[in-house]
Amino acid sequence: MHRVLIVRMYLRDIIRWESYGFTVIGLARDGEEALEIVHREQPDVILTDISMPRMNGIELIAHLRRENYDGVIDVLS
């Protein structure tokens, strides 16, 4: 199973993640919360939006790249 972090909670309910081989390991409301979860859970995949409060998706990706995150980041907008 691939471990996925979903940034923007509405994405969790529109897909049956487990049936596609994913385990949802966290839900974040914004980029700051996502970073905390990434550090704690080390997801394989991050699904994020661009427009978010506090830290947007572009800023989140920049932080993750500086930290050498090597998982997959998908941006939905």
N, C-alpha and C. Protein backbone atom coordinates (compact mmCIF):
# COMPACT_ATOMS: atom_id res chain seq x y z
N MET A 1 0.84 -1.18 0.00
CA MET A 1 0.00 0.00 0.00
C MET A 1 0.88 1.25 0.00
N HIS A 2 0.53 2.21 -0.82
CA HIS A 2 1.19 3.50 -0.83
C HIS A 2 0.55 4.39 0.22
N ARG A 3 1.37 5.13 0.92
CA ARG A 3 0.89 6.01 1.99
C ARG A 3 0.68 7.40 1.41
N VAL A 4 -0.54 7.91 1.52
CA VAL A 4 -0.87 9.20 0.91
C VAL A 4 -1.30 10.21 1.96
N LEU A 5 -0.83 11.44 1.78
CA LEU A 5 -1.26 12.59 2.58
C LEU A 5 -2.14 13.45 1.69
N ILE A 6 -3.30 13.80 2.16
CA ILE A 6 -4.23 14.63 1.40
C ILE A 6 -4.29 16.01 2.05
N VAL A 7 -3.92 17.00 1.26
CA VAL A 7 -3.97 18.38 1.73
C VAL A 7 -5.18 19.03 1.08
N ARG A 8 -6.19 19.25 1.81
CA ARG A 8 -7.52 19.73 1.44
C ARG A 8 -8.45 18.52 1.59
N MET A 9 -9.12 18.47 2.67
CA MET A 9 -9.83 17.29 3.12
C MET A 9 -10.93 16.78 2.20
N TYR A 10 -11.50 17.65 1.37
CA TYR A 10 -12.59 17.19 0.51
C TYR A 10 -12.13 16.08 -0.44
N LEU A 11 -10.85 15.98 -0.73
CA LEU A 11 -10.35 14.95 -1.64
C LEU A 11 -10.49 13.55 -1.07
N ARG A 12 -10.56 13.43 0.23
CA ARG A 12 -10.66 12.09 0.84
C ARG A 12 -11.97 11.40 0.48
N ASP A 13 -13.02 12.16 0.38
CA ASP A 13 -14.34 11.56 0.21
C ASP A 13 -14.73 11.28 -1.23
N ILE A 14 -13.98 11.77 -2.20
CA ILE A 14 -14.40 11.58 -3.60
C ILE A 14 -13.76 10.35 -4.26
N ILE A 15 -12.79 9.73 -3.57
CA ILE A 15 -12.11 8.55 -4.11
C ILE A 15 -12.05 7.48 -3.03
N ARG A 16 -12.24 6.24 -3.45
CA ARG A 16 -12.09 5.11 -2.53
C ARG A 16 -10.63 4.68 -2.56
N TRP A 17 -9.80 5.37 -1.78
CA TRP A 17 -8.35 5.24 -1.84
C TRP A 17 -7.86 3.82 -1.64
N GLU A 18 -8.40 3.11 -0.69
CA GLU A 18 -7.94 1.77 -0.39
C GLU A 18 -8.13 0.82 -1.56
N SER A 19 -9.17 1.02 -2.34
CA SER A 19 -9.41 0.14 -3.49
C SER A 19 -8.38 0.34 -4.60
N TYR A 20 -7.60 1.42 -4.53
CA TYR A 20 -6.55 1.69 -5.51
C TYR A 20 -5.15 1.46 -4.92
N GLY A 21 -5.09 0.89 -3.74
CA GLY A 21 -3.80 0.56 -3.14
C GLY A 21 -3.18 1.67 -2.32
N PHE A 22 -3.98 2.61 -1.84
CA PHE A 22 -3.48 3.71 -1.04
C PHE A 22 -4.06 3.65 0.37
N THR A 23 -3.26 4.02 1.34
CA THR A 23 -3.71 4.20 2.71
C THR A 23 -3.58 5.69 3.02
N VAL A 24 -4.66 6.31 3.42
CA VAL A 24 -4.63 7.73 3.78
C VAL A 24 -4.04 7.83 5.18
N ILE A 25 -2.86 8.44 5.28
CA ILE A 25 -2.16 8.51 6.57
C ILE A 25 -2.34 9.87 7.24
N GLY A 26 -2.97 10.80 6.53
CA GLY A 26 -3.18 12.10 7.13
C GLY A 26 -4.00 13.02 6.26
N LEU A 27 -4.64 13.97 6.90
CA LEU A 27 -5.42 15.00 6.22
C LEU A 27 -4.95 16.35 6.77
N ALA A 28 -4.68 17.29 5.87
CA ALA A 28 -4.22 18.61 6.30
C ALA A 28 -5.09 19.69 5.69
N ARG A 29 -5.28 20.76 6.43
CA ARG A 29 -6.09 21.88 5.95
C ARG A 29 -5.28 22.88 5.15
N ASP A 30 -3.95 22.88 5.36
CA ASP A 30 -3.09 23.86 4.67
C ASP A 30 -1.66 23.33 4.64
N GLY A 31 -0.76 24.09 4.02
CA GLY A 31 0.61 23.66 3.86
C GLY A 31 1.37 23.51 5.16
N GLU A 32 1.11 24.39 6.13
CA GLU A 32 1.80 24.27 7.42
C GLU A 32 1.46 22.97 8.13
N GLU A 33 0.19 22.65 8.14
CA GLU A 33 -0.24 21.39 8.76
C GLU A 33 0.32 20.20 7.98
N ALA A 34 0.37 20.32 6.67
CA ALA A 34 0.92 19.25 5.83
C ALA A 34 2.38 18.97 6.17
N LEU A 35 3.18 20.02 6.34
CA LEU A 35 4.59 19.84 6.68
C LEU A 35 4.76 19.08 7.99
N GLU A 36 3.94 19.39 8.97
CA GLU A 36 4.01 18.67 10.25
C GLU A 36 3.74 17.19 10.04
N ILE A 37 2.74 16.87 9.23
CA ILE A 37 2.39 15.47 8.98
C ILE A 37 3.48 14.78 8.18
N VAL A 38 4.05 15.46 7.18
CA VAL A 38 5.12 14.87 6.38
C VAL A 38 6.30 14.49 7.27
N HIS A 39 6.69 15.38 8.18
CA HIS A 39 7.81 15.10 9.07
C HIS A 39 7.53 13.91 9.98
N ARG A 40 6.31 13.76 10.39
CA ARG A 40 5.94 12.69 11.32
C ARG A 40 5.67 11.36 10.60
N GLU A 41 5.02 11.39 9.43
CA GLU A 41 4.51 10.16 8.80
C GLU A 41 5.27 9.71 7.54
N GLN A 42 6.02 10.60 6.92
CA GLN A 42 6.77 10.28 5.70
C GLN A 42 5.90 9.60 4.62
N PRO A 43 4.90 10.31 4.09
CA PRO A 43 4.03 9.72 3.06
C PRO A 43 4.78 9.49 1.75
N ASP A 44 4.31 8.53 0.97
CA ASP A 44 4.85 8.27 -0.38
C ASP A 44 4.31 9.26 -1.39
N VAL A 45 3.07 9.69 -1.18
CA VAL A 45 2.37 10.57 -2.12
C VAL A 45 1.71 11.70 -1.34
N ILE A 46 1.79 12.91 -1.91
CA ILE A 46 1.09 14.06 -1.34
C ILE A 46 0.19 14.63 -2.42
N LEU A 47 -1.09 14.76 -2.12
CA LEU A 47 -2.03 15.43 -3.02
C LEU A 47 -2.35 16.77 -2.41
N THR A 48 -2.08 17.84 -3.14
CA THR A 48 -2.27 19.16 -2.59
C THR A 48 -2.97 20.09 -3.57
N ASP A 49 -3.50 21.14 -3.05
CA ASP A 49 -4.09 22.21 -3.83
C ASP A 49 -3.06 23.34 -3.89
N ILE A 50 -3.22 24.27 -4.81
CA ILE A 50 -2.32 25.42 -4.86
C ILE A 50 -2.80 26.49 -3.89
N SER A 51 -4.07 26.80 -3.92
CA SER A 51 -4.62 27.88 -3.12
C SER A 51 -5.08 27.36 -1.76
N MET A 52 -4.34 27.78 -0.71
CA MET A 52 -4.66 27.37 0.65
C MET A 52 -4.30 28.50 1.59
N PRO A 53 -4.92 28.54 2.77
CA PRO A 53 -4.53 29.55 3.75
C PRO A 53 -3.17 29.24 4.36
N ARG A 54 -2.59 30.22 5.00
CA ARG A 54 -1.32 30.17 5.72
C ARG A 54 -0.13 29.82 4.84
N MET A 55 -0.07 28.66 4.22
CA MET A 55 1.01 28.29 3.31
C MET A 55 0.38 27.64 2.09
N ASN A 56 0.59 28.23 0.91
CA ASN A 56 -0.04 27.67 -0.29
C ASN A 56 0.74 26.47 -0.82
N GLY A 57 0.21 25.84 -1.85
CA GLY A 57 0.81 24.64 -2.41
C GLY A 57 2.19 24.84 -2.99
N ILE A 58 2.43 26.00 -3.62
CA ILE A 58 3.74 26.29 -4.19
C ILE A 58 4.78 26.40 -3.07
N GLU A 59 4.41 27.09 -1.99
CA GLU A 59 5.32 27.21 -0.84
C GLU A 59 5.58 25.85 -0.20
N LEU A 60 4.54 25.03 -0.09
CA LEU A 60 4.69 23.69 0.46
C LEU A 60 5.68 22.88 -0.36
N ILE A 61 5.52 22.90 -1.67
CA ILE A 61 6.42 22.15 -2.55
C ILE A 61 7.85 22.65 -2.40
N ALA A 62 8.04 23.96 -2.33
CA ALA A 62 9.38 24.53 -2.17
C ALA A 62 10.03 24.03 -0.87
N HIS A 63 9.27 24.01 0.22
CA HIS A 63 9.79 23.50 1.50
C HIS A 63 10.18 22.04 1.37
N LEU A 64 9.30 21.24 0.76
CA LEU A 64 9.56 19.81 0.63
C LEU A 64 10.80 19.54 -0.22
N ARG A 65 10.98 20.30 -1.29
CA ARG A 65 12.15 20.11 -2.15
C ARG A 65 13.44 20.50 -1.42
N ARG A 66 13.40 21.58 -0.64
CA ARG A 66 14.58 21.97 0.15
C ARG A 66 14.95 20.89 1.16
N GLU A 67 13.94 20.16 1.63
CA GLU A 67 14.17 19.09 2.60
C GLU A 67 14.44 17.75 1.92
N ASN A 68 14.58 17.76 0.60
CA ASN A 68 14.87 16.55 -0.19
C ASN A 68 13.79 15.48 -0.11
N TYR A 69 12.54 15.91 0.03
CA TYR A 69 11.43 14.96 -0.02
C TYR A 69 11.46 14.30 -1.39
N ASP A 70 11.46 12.98 -1.44
CA ASP A 70 11.58 12.30 -2.73
C ASP A 70 10.33 11.54 -3.15
N GLY A 71 9.23 11.79 -2.45
CA GLY A 71 7.97 11.17 -2.83
C GLY A 71 7.32 11.90 -3.98
N VAL A 72 6.14 11.46 -4.34
CA VAL A 72 5.38 12.04 -5.43
C VAL A 72 4.50 13.16 -4.87
N ILE A 73 4.48 14.29 -5.57
CA ILE A 73 3.60 15.40 -5.21
C ILE A 73 2.70 15.68 -6.40
N ASP A 74 1.41 15.53 -6.20
CA ASP A 74 0.42 15.85 -7.23
C ASP A 74 -0.31 17.11 -6.81
N VAL A 75 -0.42 18.04 -7.74
CA VAL A 75 -1.10 19.31 -7.46
C VAL A 75 -2.43 19.33 -8.20
N LEU A 76 -3.48 19.52 -7.46
CA LEU A 76 -4.82 19.65 -8.03
C LEU A 76 -5.27 21.07 -7.80
N SER A 77 -5.79 21.70 -8.84
CA SER A 77 -6.20 23.08 -8.67
C SER A 77 -7.50 23.35 -9.40
